[in-house]
């Protein structure tokens, strides 16, 4: 249980900043398939599957809510102040995660190198999203500050963002940047935490889009992992490789004070190493949890 709650917490921290995907965290901590299955089974007619899905999502969701609240209040400002440190940390996180995923999914990769084309496709998606994420036109989603048309667009953004967040390599926050709603959504979350309830209608609209995304895109992803796992895993691997470009370009996405893309001069080796150590720590925690379940 602790591993799932911690996983939800770390997923929220990853989801809250452009360039990193919460799906990557779920994959590393070994519950990605359970996460996708639970999202899929939440609307299942099988009551046992539905109960199991609810139990899992409540545990993970509790950690995610705490993580997102912390991110809205603290992490996003830290991200802007220490952008190159954080970006170096995330790069260590992703680069050290890739070998782990290849080893854990070796049956999906070994001898099926013809699926490398899907890796190219996955990387191209992430790089394309990052490239077009320069849009900064973002107003407020407080009640009375947005039109009906903006509300519809916000709904669509919620649907697309959750689709991205469940895919390792694609950052839902980066997608919100593309649509110009990242700052508005984070501002709304902070506002509600400070009891500014005029933001609730906008967040409800966004949340409804998220629900529809879960009911549609996640079902397709579950089917792909079940029937076309090798091609799907190669695609996910490509997305993770593409996210390196997203991390390098992360400083340019800052709203208040955009910075140049990360270079060798602004890269911080210490934080890169810390990112790798975090990955190894998560792997150790996962192995200990697996041993405990076996016993």
C-alpha atoms as a PDB file:
ATOM      1  CA  UNK A   1       0.000   0.000   0.000  1.00  0.00           C
ATOM      2  CA  UNK A   2       2.807   2.417   0.960  1.00  0.00           C
ATOM      3  CA  UNK A   3       4.470   1.916  -2.432  1.00  0.00           C
ATOM      4  CA  UNK A   4       1.249   2.810  -4.279  1.00  0.00           C
ATOM      5  CA  UNK A   5       0.593   5.920  -2.153  1.00  0.00           C
ATOM      6  CA  UNK A   6       4.215   7.028  -2.613  1.00  0.00           C
ATOM      7  CA  UNK A   7       3.902   6.312  -6.328  1.00  0.00           C
ATOM      8  CA  UNK A   8       0.817   8.529  -6.586  1.00  0.00           C
ATOM      9  CA  UNK A   9       2.632  11.293  -4.725  1.00  0.00           C
ATOM     10  CA  UNK A  10       5.660  11.124  -7.054  1.00  0.00           C
ATOM     11  CA  UNK A  11       3.423  10.915 -10.126  1.00  0.00           C
ATOM     12  CA  UNK A  12       1.780  14.198  -9.136  1.00  0.00           C
ATOM     13  CA  UNK A  13       5.144  15.906  -8.681  1.00  0.00           C
ATOM     14  CA  UNK A  14       6.178  14.690 -12.144  1.00  0.00           C
ATOM     15  CA  UNK A  15       2.855  15.625 -13.758  1.00  0.00           C
ATOM     16  CA  UNK A  16       2.961  19.146 -12.340  1.00  0.00           C
ATOM     17  CA  UNK A  17       5.986  20.346 -14.311  1.00  0.00           C
ATOM     18  CA  UNK A  18       6.499  20.369 -18.090  1.00  0.00           C
ATOM     19  CA  UNK A  19       8.814  17.738 -19.529  1.00  0.00           C
ATOM     20  CA  UNK A  20       8.226  14.805 -17.146  1.00  0.00           C
ATOM     21  CA  UNK A  21       5.425  12.243 -17.176  1.00  0.00           C
ATOM     22  CA  UNK A  22       3.737  10.670 -14.171  1.00  0.00           C
ATOM     23  CA  UNK A  23       3.328   7.548 -16.309  1.00  0.00           C
ATOM     24  CA  UNK A  24       7.116   7.114 -16.214  1.00  0.00           C
ATOM     25  CA  UNK A  25       7.001   7.011 -12.402  1.00  0.00           C
ATOM     26  CA  UNK A  26       4.230   4.402 -12.455  1.00  0.00           C
ATOM     27  CA  UNK A  27       6.264   2.291 -14.861  1.00  0.00           C
ATOM     28  CA  UNK A  28       9.405   2.495 -12.727  1.00  0.00           C
ATOM     29  CA  UNK A  29       7.568   1.592  -9.549  1.00  0.00           C
ATOM     30  CA  UNK A  30       6.066  -1.470 -11.185  1.00  0.00           C
ATOM     31  CA  UNK A  31       2.366  -0.637 -11.076  1.00  0.00           C
ATOM     32  CA  UNK A  32       1.840   0.877 -14.532  1.00  0.00           C
ATOM     33  CA  UNK A  33      -0.226  -2.062 -15.807  1.00  0.00           C
ATOM     34  CA  UNK A  34      -2.277  -2.052 -12.590  1.00  0.00           C
ATOM     35  CA  UNK A  35      -2.782   1.699 -12.977  1.00  0.00           C
ATOM     36  CA  UNK A  36      -4.062   1.401 -16.555  1.00  0.00           C
ATOM     37  CA  UNK A  37      -6.168  -1.662 -15.717  1.00  0.00           C
ATOM     38  CA  UNK A  38      -7.741   0.132 -12.749  1.00  0.00           C
ATOM     39  CA  UNK A  39      -8.630   3.170 -14.853  1.00  0.00           C
ATOM     40  CA  UNK A  40     -10.160   0.793 -17.381  1.00  0.00           C
ATOM     41  CA  UNK A  41     -11.986  -1.372 -14.814  1.00  0.00           C
ATOM     42  CA  UNK A  42     -13.478   1.526 -12.859  1.00  0.00           C
ATOM     43  CA  UNK A  43     -16.434   1.444 -15.263  1.00  0.00           C
ATOM     44  CA  UNK A  44     -16.430  -2.353 -15.608  1.00  0.00           C
ATOM     45  CA  UNK A  45     -19.630  -4.337 -15.182  1.00  0.00           C
ATOM     46  CA  UNK A  46     -17.624  -6.882 -13.200  1.00  0.00           C
ATOM     47  CA  UNK A  47     -18.207  -5.791  -9.603  1.00  0.00           C
ATOM     48  CA  UNK A  48     -15.084  -7.525  -8.268  1.00  0.00           C
ATOM     49  CA  UNK A  49     -12.857  -5.833 -10.829  1.00  0.00           C
ATOM     50  CA  UNK A  50     -14.554  -2.530 -10.083  1.00  0.00           C
ATOM     51  CA  UNK A  51     -14.004  -2.870  -6.318  1.00  0.00           C
ATOM     52  CA  UNK A  52     -10.340  -3.783  -6.831  1.00  0.00           C
ATOM     53  CA  UNK A  53      -9.889  -0.810  -9.164  1.00  0.00           C
ATOM     54  CA  UNK A  54     -11.504   1.568  -6.671  1.00  0.00           C
ATOM     55  CA  UNK A  55      -9.256   0.349  -3.842  1.00  0.00           C
ATOM     56  CA  UNK A  56      -6.145   0.814  -5.963  1.00  0.00           C
ATOM     57  CA  UNK A  57      -7.134   4.258  -7.269  1.00  0.00           C
ATOM     58  CA  UNK A  58      -8.108   5.506  -3.796  1.00  0.00           C
ATOM     59  CA  UNK A  59      -4.652   4.591  -2.485  1.00  0.00           C
ATOM     60  CA  UNK A  60      -2.835   6.074  -5.461  1.00  0.00           C
ATOM     61  CA  UNK A  61      -5.200   9.036  -5.707  1.00  0.00           C
ATOM     62  CA  UNK A  62      -4.601   9.981  -2.065  1.00  0.00           C
ATOM     63  CA  UNK A  63      -0.877  10.286  -2.694  1.00  0.00           C
ATOM     64  CA  UNK A  64      -1.499  12.077  -5.994  1.00  0.00           C
ATOM     65  CA  UNK A  65      -3.747  14.731  -4.399  1.00  0.00           C
ATOM     66  CA  UNK A  66      -1.172  15.486  -1.691  1.00  0.00           C
ATOM     67  CA  UNK A  67       1.584  15.643  -4.299  1.00  0.00           C
ATOM     68  CA  UNK A  68      -0.356  17.944  -6.611  1.00  0.00           C
ATOM     69  CA  UNK A  69      -1.298  20.274  -3.739  1.00  0.00           C
ATOM     70  CA  UNK A  70       2.362  20.476  -2.724  1.00  0.00           C
ATOM     71  CA  UNK A  71       3.363  21.051  -6.339  1.00  0.00           C
ATOM     72  CA  UNK A  72       0.849  23.859  -6.801  1.00  0.00           C
ATOM     73  CA  UNK A  73       1.985  25.602  -3.615  1.00  0.00           C
ATOM     74  CA  UNK A  74       5.732  25.005  -3.706  1.00  0.00           C
ATOM     75  CA  UNK A  75       7.223  22.918  -6.492  1.00  0.00           C
ATOM     76  CA  UNK A  76       6.273  25.129  -9.435  1.00  0.00           C
ATOM     77  CA  UNK A  77       8.041  28.131  -7.858  1.00  0.00           C
ATOM     78  CA  UNK A  78      11.091  25.973  -7.103  1.00  0.00           C
ATOM     79  CA  UNK A  79      10.966  24.774 -10.703  1.00  0.00           C
ATOM     80  CA  UNK A  80      11.212  28.354 -11.944  1.00  0.00           C
ATOM     81  CA  UNK A  81      13.894  29.458  -9.469  1.00  0.00           C
ATOM     82  CA  UNK A  82      16.170  26.431  -9.861  1.00  0.00           C
ATOM     83  CA  UNK A  83      15.207  25.375 -13.363  1.00  0.00           C
ATOM     84  CA  UNK A  84      18.586  23.972 -14.451  1.00  0.00           C
ATOM     85  CA  UNK A  85      19.035  21.994 -11.233  1.00  0.00           C
ATOM     86  CA  UNK A  86      15.570  20.485 -11.581  1.00  0.00           C
ATOM     87  CA  UNK A  87      16.049  19.797 -15.292  1.00  0.00           C
ATOM     88  CA  UNK A  88      19.348  17.997 -14.559  1.00  0.00           C
ATOM     89  CA  UNK A  89      17.563  15.963 -11.894  1.00  0.00           C
ATOM     90  CA  UNK A  90      14.823  14.971 -14.335  1.00  0.00           C
ATOM     91  CA  UNK A  91      17.370  14.045 -16.988  1.00  0.00           C
ATOM     92  CA  UNK A  92      19.090  11.701 -14.543  1.00  0.00           C
ATOM     93  CA  UNK A  93      15.684  10.331 -13.657  1.00  0.00           C
ATOM     94  CA  UNK A  94      14.723   9.528 -17.259  1.00  0.00           C
ATOM     95  CA  UNK A  95      18.105   8.337 -18.585  1.00  0.00           C
ATOM     96  CA  UNK A  96      18.599   5.970 -15.655  1.00  0.00           C
ATOM     97  CA  UNK A  97      15.008   4.773 -15.968  1.00  0.00           C
ATOM     98  CA  UNK A  98      15.322   3.652 -19.597  1.00  0.00           C
ATOM     99  CA  UNK A  99      17.693   0.686 -18.925  1.00  0.00           C
ATOM    100  CA  UNK A 100      15.476  -0.401 -16.034  1.00  0.00           C
ATOM    101  CA  UNK A 101      12.411  -0.504 -18.260  1.00  0.00           C
ATOM    102  CA  UNK A 102      14.285  -2.344 -21.032  1.00  0.00           C
ATOM    103  CA  UNK A 103      15.380  -5.022 -18.539  1.00  0.00           C
ATOM    104  CA  UNK A 104      11.916  -5.402 -17.009  1.00  0.00           C
ATOM    105  CA  UNK A 105      10.267  -5.622 -20.432  1.00  0.00           C
ATOM    106  CA  UNK A 106      13.044  -7.544 -22.206  1.00  0.00           C
ATOM    107  CA  UNK A 107      10.581 -10.059 -23.682  1.00  0.00           C
ATOM    108  CA  UNK A 108       8.804  -7.167 -25.396  1.00  0.00           C
ATOM    109  CA  UNK A 109      12.048  -5.809 -26.884  1.00  0.00           C
ATOM    110  CA  UNK A 110      14.333  -8.778 -27.587  1.00  0.00           C
ATOM    111  CA  UNK A 111      14.154 -10.106 -31.141  1.00  0.00           C
ATOM    112  CA  UNK A 112      11.413  -7.674 -32.151  1.00  0.00           C
ATOM    113  CA  UNK A 113      13.632  -4.917 -33.481  1.00  0.00           C
ATOM    114  CA  UNK A 114      11.303  -4.344 -36.431  1.00  0.00           C
ATOM    115  CA  UNK A 115       9.175  -2.393 -33.951  1.00  0.00           C
ATOM    116  CA  UNK A 116      11.908   0.252 -33.662  1.00  0.00           C
ATOM    117  CA  UNK A 117       9.850   2.316 -36.097  1.00  0.00           C
ATOM    118  CA  UNK A 118       7.352   2.777 -33.253  1.00  0.00           C
ATOM    119  CA  UNK A 119      10.139   4.225 -31.088  1.00  0.00           C
ATOM    120  CA  UNK A 120      10.847   6.788 -33.786  1.00  0.00           C
ATOM    121  CA  UNK A 121       7.134   7.575 -33.908  1.00  0.00           C
ATOM    122  CA  UNK A 122       6.924   7.918 -30.104  1.00  0.00           C
ATOM    123  CA  UNK A 123       9.962  10.210 -29.935  1.00  0.00           C
ATOM    124  CA  UNK A 124       8.574  12.346 -32.770  1.00  0.00           C
ATOM    125  CA  UNK A 125       5.282  12.842 -30.878  1.00  0.00           C
ATOM    126  CA  UNK A 126       7.027  14.101 -27.722  1.00  0.00           C
ATOM    127  CA  UNK A 127       9.487  16.291 -29.615  1.00  0.00           C
ATOM    128  CA  UNK A 128       6.645  17.754 -31.684  1.00  0.00           C
ATOM    129  CA  UNK A 129       4.564  18.535 -28.603  1.00  0.00           C
ATOM    130  CA  UNK A 130       7.572  20.179 -26.941  1.00  0.00           C
ATOM    131  CA  UNK A 131       8.446  22.168 -30.045  1.00  0.00           C
ATOM    132  CA  UNK A 132       4.964  23.666 -30.256  1.00  0.00           C
ATOM    133  CA  UNK A 133       4.664  24.311 -26.506  1.00  0.00           C
ATOM    134  CA  UNK A 134       5.866  27.882 -26.819  1.00  0.00           C
ATOM    135  CA  UNK A 135       2.294  29.179 -26.665  1.00  0.00           C
ATOM    136  CA  UNK A 136       1.926  31.322 -23.549  1.00  0.00           C
ATOM    137  CA  UNK A 137      -1.473  32.816 -24.196  1.00  0.00           C
ATOM    138  CA  UNK A 138      -3.131  31.856 -20.959  1.00  0.00           C
ATOM    139  CA  UNK A 139      -5.823  33.792 -19.158  1.00  0.00           C
ATOM    140  CA  UNK A 140      -7.683  33.056 -15.948  1.00  0.00           C
ATOM    141  CA  UNK A 141     -10.248  30.271 -15.552  1.00  0.00           C
ATOM    142  CA  UNK A 142     -11.939  31.981 -12.617  1.00  0.00           C
ATOM    143  CA  UNK A 143     -15.731  32.164 -12.995  1.00  0.00           C
ATOM    144  CA  UNK A 144     -16.644  35.124 -15.184  1.00  0.00           C
ATOM    145  CA  UNK A 145     -13.174  35.412 -16.699  1.00  0.00           C
ATOM    146  CA  UNK A 146     -13.665  32.892 -19.506  1.00  0.00           C
ATOM    147  CA  UNK A 147     -16.200  32.482 -22.291  1.00  0.00           C
ATOM    148  CA  UNK A 148     -18.321  29.487 -23.289  1.00  0.00           C
ATOM    149  CA  UNK A 149     -15.900  28.741 -26.140  1.00  0.00           C
ATOM    150  CA  UNK A 150     -12.932  28.821 -23.752  1.00  0.00           C
ATOM    151  CA  UNK A 151     -14.818  26.453 -21.432  1.00  0.00           C
ATOM    152  CA  UNK A 152     -15.285  23.962 -24.283  1.00  0.00           C
ATOM    153  CA  UNK A 153     -11.604  24.238 -25.147  1.00  0.00           C
ATOM    154  CA  UNK A 154     -10.688  23.740 -21.467  1.00  0.00           C
ATOM    155  CA  UNK A 155     -12.784  20.538 -21.466  1.00  0.00           C
ATOM    156  CA  UNK A 156     -10.868  19.257 -24.514  1.00  0.00           C
ATOM    157  CA  UNK A 157      -7.569  20.189 -22.849  1.00  0.00           C
ATOM    158  CA  UNK A 158      -8.491  18.108 -19.796  1.00  0.00           C
ATOM    159  CA  UNK A 159      -9.243  15.132 -22.010  1.00  0.00           C
ATOM    160  CA  UNK A 160      -5.920  15.468 -23.871  1.00  0.00           C
ATOM    161  CA  UNK A 161      -3.887  16.156 -20.716  1.00  0.00           C
ATOM    162  CA  UNK A 162      -4.964  12.988 -18.892  1.00  0.00           C
ATOM    163  CA  UNK A 163      -4.253  11.009 -22.052  1.00  0.00           C
ATOM    164  CA  UNK A 164      -0.700  12.370 -22.000  1.00  0.00           C
ATOM    165  CA  UNK A 165      -0.207  11.935 -18.254  1.00  0.00           C
ATOM    166  CA  UNK A 166      -0.819   8.178 -18.373  1.00  0.00           C
ATOM    167  CA  UNK A 167       1.774   7.696 -21.150  1.00  0.00           C
ATOM    168  CA  UNK A 168       5.412   7.390 -20.027  1.00  0.00           C
ATOM    169  CA  UNK A 169       7.416  10.093 -21.773  1.00  0.00           C
ATOM    170  CA  UNK A 170       4.600  12.514 -22.551  1.00  0.00           C
ATOM    171  CA  UNK A 171       4.052  15.265 -20.024  1.00  0.00           C
ATOM    172  CA  UNK A 172       0.466  16.396 -19.520  1.00  0.00           C
ATOM    173  CA  UNK A 173       1.857  19.739 -18.347  1.00  0.00           C
ATOM    174  CA  UNK A 174       3.720  20.146 -21.642  1.00  0.00           C
ATOM    175  CA  UNK A 175       0.481  19.485 -23.484  1.00  0.00           C
ATOM    176  CA  UNK A 176      -1.247  22.146 -21.383  1.00  0.00           C
ATOM    177  CA  UNK A 177       1.549  24.513 -22.391  1.00  0.00           C
ATOM    178  CA  UNK A 178       0.838  23.760 -26.043  1.00  0.00           C
ATOM    179  CA  UNK A 179      -2.822  24.705 -25.501  1.00  0.00           C
ATOM    180  CA  UNK A 180      -1.859  27.714 -23.341  1.00  0.00           C
ATOM    181  CA  UNK A 181      -3.609  26.536 -20.159  1.00  0.00           C
ATOM    182  CA  UNK A 182      -0.748  25.395 -17.935  1.00  0.00           C
ATOM    183  CA  UNK A 183      -0.432  28.610 -15.938  1.00  0.00           C
ATOM    184  CA  UNK A 184      -4.210  29.051 -15.680  1.00  0.00           C
ATOM    185  CA  UNK A 185      -4.792  25.521 -14.325  1.00  0.00           C
ATOM    186  CA  UNK A 186      -1.950  25.721 -11.787  1.00  0.00           C
ATOM    187  CA  UNK A 187      -3.182  29.172 -10.707  1.00  0.00           C
ATOM    188  CA  UNK A 188      -6.690  27.746 -10.252  1.00  0.00           C
ATOM    189  CA  UNK A 189      -5.418  24.857  -8.113  1.00  0.00           C
ATOM    190  CA  UNK A 190      -3.469  27.283  -5.928  1.00  0.00           C
ATOM    191  CA  UNK A 191      -6.536  29.516  -5.736  1.00  0.00           C
ATOM    192  CA  UNK A 192      -8.817  26.727  -4.488  1.00  0.00           C
ATOM    193  CA  UNK A 193      -6.204  25.720  -1.899  1.00  0.00           C
ATOM    194  CA  UNK A 194      -6.392  29.327  -0.695  1.00  0.00           C
ATOM    195  CA  UNK A 195     -10.212  29.074  -0.559  1.00  0.00           C
ATOM    196  CA  UNK A 196     -10.786  31.177  -3.692  1.00  0.00           C
ATOM    197  CA  UNK A 197     -13.858  29.260  -4.839  1.00  0.00           C
ATOM    198  CA  UNK A 198     -14.401  31.234  -8.057  1.00  0.00           C
ATOM    199  CA  UNK A 199     -11.920  28.822  -9.653  1.00  0.00           C
ATOM    200  CA  UNK A 200     -14.047  25.737  -8.919  1.00  0.00           C
ATOM    201  CA  UNK A 201     -16.301  25.887 -12.040  1.00  0.00           C
ATOM    202  CA  UNK A 202     -13.279  26.055 -14.346  1.00  0.00           C
ATOM    203  CA  UNK A 203     -11.606  23.141 -12.585  1.00  0.00           C
ATOM    204  CA  UNK A 204     -14.861  21.142 -12.727  1.00  0.00           C
ATOM    205  CA  UNK A 205     -14.990  21.633 -16.507  1.00  0.00           C
ATOM    206  CA  UNK A 206     -11.348  20.594 -16.756  1.00  0.00           C
ATOM    207  CA  UNK A 207     -12.045  17.575 -14.515  1.00  0.00           C
ATOM    208  CA  UNK A 208     -14.969  16.450 -16.691  1.00  0.00           C
ATOM    209  CA  UNK A 209     -12.602  16.443 -19.668  1.00  0.00           C
ATOM    210  CA  UNK A 210     -10.210  14.288 -17.650  1.00  0.00           C
ATOM    211  CA  UNK A 211     -13.011  11.793 -16.914  1.00  0.00           C
ATOM    212  CA  UNK A 212     -13.926  11.501 -20.579  1.00  0.00           C
ATOM    213  CA  UNK A 213     -10.244  10.984 -21.427  1.00  0.00           C
ATOM    214  CA  UNK A 214     -10.095   8.134 -18.930  1.00  0.00           C
ATOM    215  CA  UNK A 215     -13.196   6.513 -20.418  1.00  0.00           C
ATOM    216  CA  UNK A 216     -11.885   6.666 -23.997  1.00  0.00           C
ATOM    217  CA  UNK A 217      -8.119   6.908 -24.491  1.00  0.00           C
ATOM    218  CA  UNK A 218      -7.221   4.734 -21.502  1.00  0.00           C
ATOM    219  CA  UNK A 219      -9.357   1.884 -22.850  1.00  0.00           C
ATOM    220  CA  UNK A 220      -7.415   2.037 -26.112  1.00  0.00           C
ATOM    221  CA  UNK A 221      -4.109   2.013 -24.228  1.00  0.00           C
ATOM    222  CA  UNK A 222      -5.193  -0.990 -22.161  1.00  0.00           C
ATOM    223  CA  UNK A 223      -6.077  -2.840 -25.373  1.00  0.00           C
ATOM    224  CA  UNK A 224      -2.702  -1.923 -26.934  1.00  0.00           C
ATOM    225  CA  UNK A 225      -0.754  -3.173 -23.898  1.00  0.00           C
ATOM    226  CA  UNK A 226      -2.682  -6.437 -23.976  1.00  0.00           C
ATOM    227  CA  UNK A 227      -2.707  -7.225 -27.693  1.00  0.00           C
ATOM    228  CA  UNK A 228       0.272  -5.267 -29.110  1.00  0.00           C
ATOM    229  CA  UNK A 229       2.598  -5.050 -26.137  1.00  0.00           C
ATOM    230  CA  UNK A 230       5.891  -5.063 -28.050  1.00  0.00           C
ATOM    231  CA  UNK A 231       4.882  -2.250 -30.415  1.00  0.00           C
ATOM    232  CA  UNK A 232       3.397  -0.305 -27.484  1.00  0.00           C
ATOM    233  CA  UNK A 233       6.552  -0.731 -25.378  1.00  0.00           C
ATOM    234  CA  UNK A 234       8.760   0.408 -28.263  1.00  0.00           C
ATOM    235  CA  UNK A 235       6.499   3.457 -28.628  1.00  0.00           C
ATOM    236  CA  UNK A 236       6.766   4.210 -24.903  1.00  0.00           C
ATOM    237  CA  UNK A 237      10.559   3.825 -25.085  1.00  0.00           C
ATOM    238  CA  UNK A 238      10.619   6.350 -27.937  1.00  0.00           C
ATOM    239  CA  UNK A 239       8.476   8.733 -25.908  1.00  0.00           C
ATOM    240  CA  UNK A 240      10.903   8.523 -23.003  1.00  0.00           C
ATOM    241  CA  UNK A 241      13.851   9.209 -25.303  1.00  0.00           C
ATOM    242  CA  UNK A 242      11.941  12.147 -26.781  1.00  0.00           C
ATOM    243  CA  UNK A 243      11.323  13.492 -23.285  1.00  0.00           C
ATOM    244  CA  UNK A 244      15.067  14.228 -23.015  1.00  0.00           C
ATOM    245  CA  UNK A 245      14.509  16.946 -25.600  1.00  0.00           C
ATOM    246  CA  UNK A 246      11.493  18.150 -23.593  1.00  0.00           C
ATOM    247  CA  UNK A 247      13.627  18.416 -20.449  1.00  0.00           C
ATOM    248  CA  UNK A 248      16.420  20.263 -22.261  1.00  0.00           C
ATOM    249  CA  UNK A 249      13.878  22.760 -23.610  1.00  0.00           C
ATOM    250  CA  UNK A 250      12.034  23.010 -20.268  1.00  0.00           C
ATOM    251  CA  UNK A 251      13.619  26.339 -19.219  1.00  0.00           C
ATOM    252  CA  UNK A 252      12.197  28.020 -22.334  1.00  0.00           C
ATOM    253  CA  UNK A 253       8.652  27.155 -21.177  1.00  0.00           C
ATOM    254  CA  UNK A 254       8.828  29.249 -17.994  1.00  0.00           C
ATOM    255  CA  UNK A 255       6.072  31.846 -17.898  1.00  0.00           C
ATOM    256  CA  UNK A 256       7.408  34.607 -15.676  1.00  0.00           C
ATOM    257  CA  UNK A 257      11.039  34.518 -16.759  1.00  0.00           C
ATOM    258  CA  UNK A 258      11.836  32.197 -19.719  1.00  0.00           C
ATOM    259  CA  UNK A 259      15.431  30.949 -19.777  1.00  0.00           C
ATOM    260  CA  UNK A 260      17.623  29.531 -22.570  1.00  0.00           C
ATOM    261  CA  UNK A 261      17.490  25.787 -23.158  1.00  0.00           C
ATOM    262  CA  UNK A 262      19.775  23.722 -20.922  1.00  0.00           C
ATOM    263  CA  UNK A 263      23.380  23.387 -22.178  1.00  0.00           C
ATOM    264  CA  UNK A 264      26.507  21.603 -20.934  1.00  0.00           C
ATOM    265  CA  UNK A 265      27.369  24.795 -19.067  1.00  0.00           C
ATOM    266  CA  UNK A 266      24.031  24.935 -17.214  1.00  0.00           C
ATOM    267  CA  UNK A 267      23.827  21.158 -16.711  1.00  0.00           C
ATOM    268  CA  UNK A 268      24.360  20.123 -13.052  1.00  0.00           C
ATOM    269  CA  UNK A 269      26.077  16.743 -12.689  1.00  0.00           C
ATOM    270  CA  UNK A 270      25.273  16.430  -8.975  1.00  0.00           C
ATOM    271  CA  UNK A 271      21.521  16.702  -9.549  1.00  0.00           C
ATOM    272  CA  UNK A 272      21.792  14.295 -12.489  1.00  0.00           C
ATOM    273  CA  UNK A 273      23.414  11.744 -10.153  1.00  0.00           C
ATOM    274  CA  UNK A 274      20.724  12.362  -7.533  1.00  0.00           C
ATOM    275  CA  UNK A 275      18.110  11.573 -10.193  1.00  0.00           C
ATOM    276  CA  UNK A 276      19.839   8.264 -10.905  1.00  0.00           C
ATOM    277  CA  UNK A 277      20.055   7.476  -7.188  1.00  0.00           C
ATOM    278  CA  UNK A 278      16.298   8.149  -6.857  1.00  0.00           C
ATOM    279  CA  UNK A 279      15.631   5.612  -9.633  1.00  0.00           C
ATOM    280  CA  UNK A 280      17.766   2.990  -7.893  1.00  0.00           C
ATOM    281  CA  UNK A 281      16.013   3.777  -4.614  1.00  0.00           C
ATOM    282  CA  UNK A 282      12.598   3.280  -6.229  1.00  0.00           C
ATOM    283  CA  UNK A 283      13.789  -0.002  -7.708  1.00  0.00           C
ATOM    284  CA  UNK A 284      15.043  -1.175  -4.304  1.00  0.00           C
ATOM    285  CA  UNK A 285      11.742  -0.208  -2.717  1.00  0.00           C
ATOM    286  CA  UNK A 286       9.894  -2.116  -5.447  1.00  0.00           C
ATOM    287  CA  UNK A 287      12.000  -5.260  -4.939  1.00  0.00           C
ATOM    288  CA  UNK A 288      11.474  -5.143  -1.174  1.00  0.00           C
ATOM    289  CA  UNK A 289       7.737  -4.766  -1.710  1.00  0.00           C
ATOM    290  CA  UNK A 290       7.686  -7.699  -4.161  1.00  0.00           C
ATOM    291  CA  UNK A 291       9.592  -9.923  -1.687  1.00  0.00           C
ATOM    292  CA  UNK A 292       7.187  -9.003   1.090  1.00  0.00           C
ATOM    293  CA  UNK A 293       4.212  -9.976  -1.091  1.00  0.00           C
ATOM    294  CA  UNK A 294       5.863 -13.298  -2.004  1.00  0.00           C
ATOM    295  CA  UNK A 295       6.371 -14.121   1.661  1.00  0.00           C
END
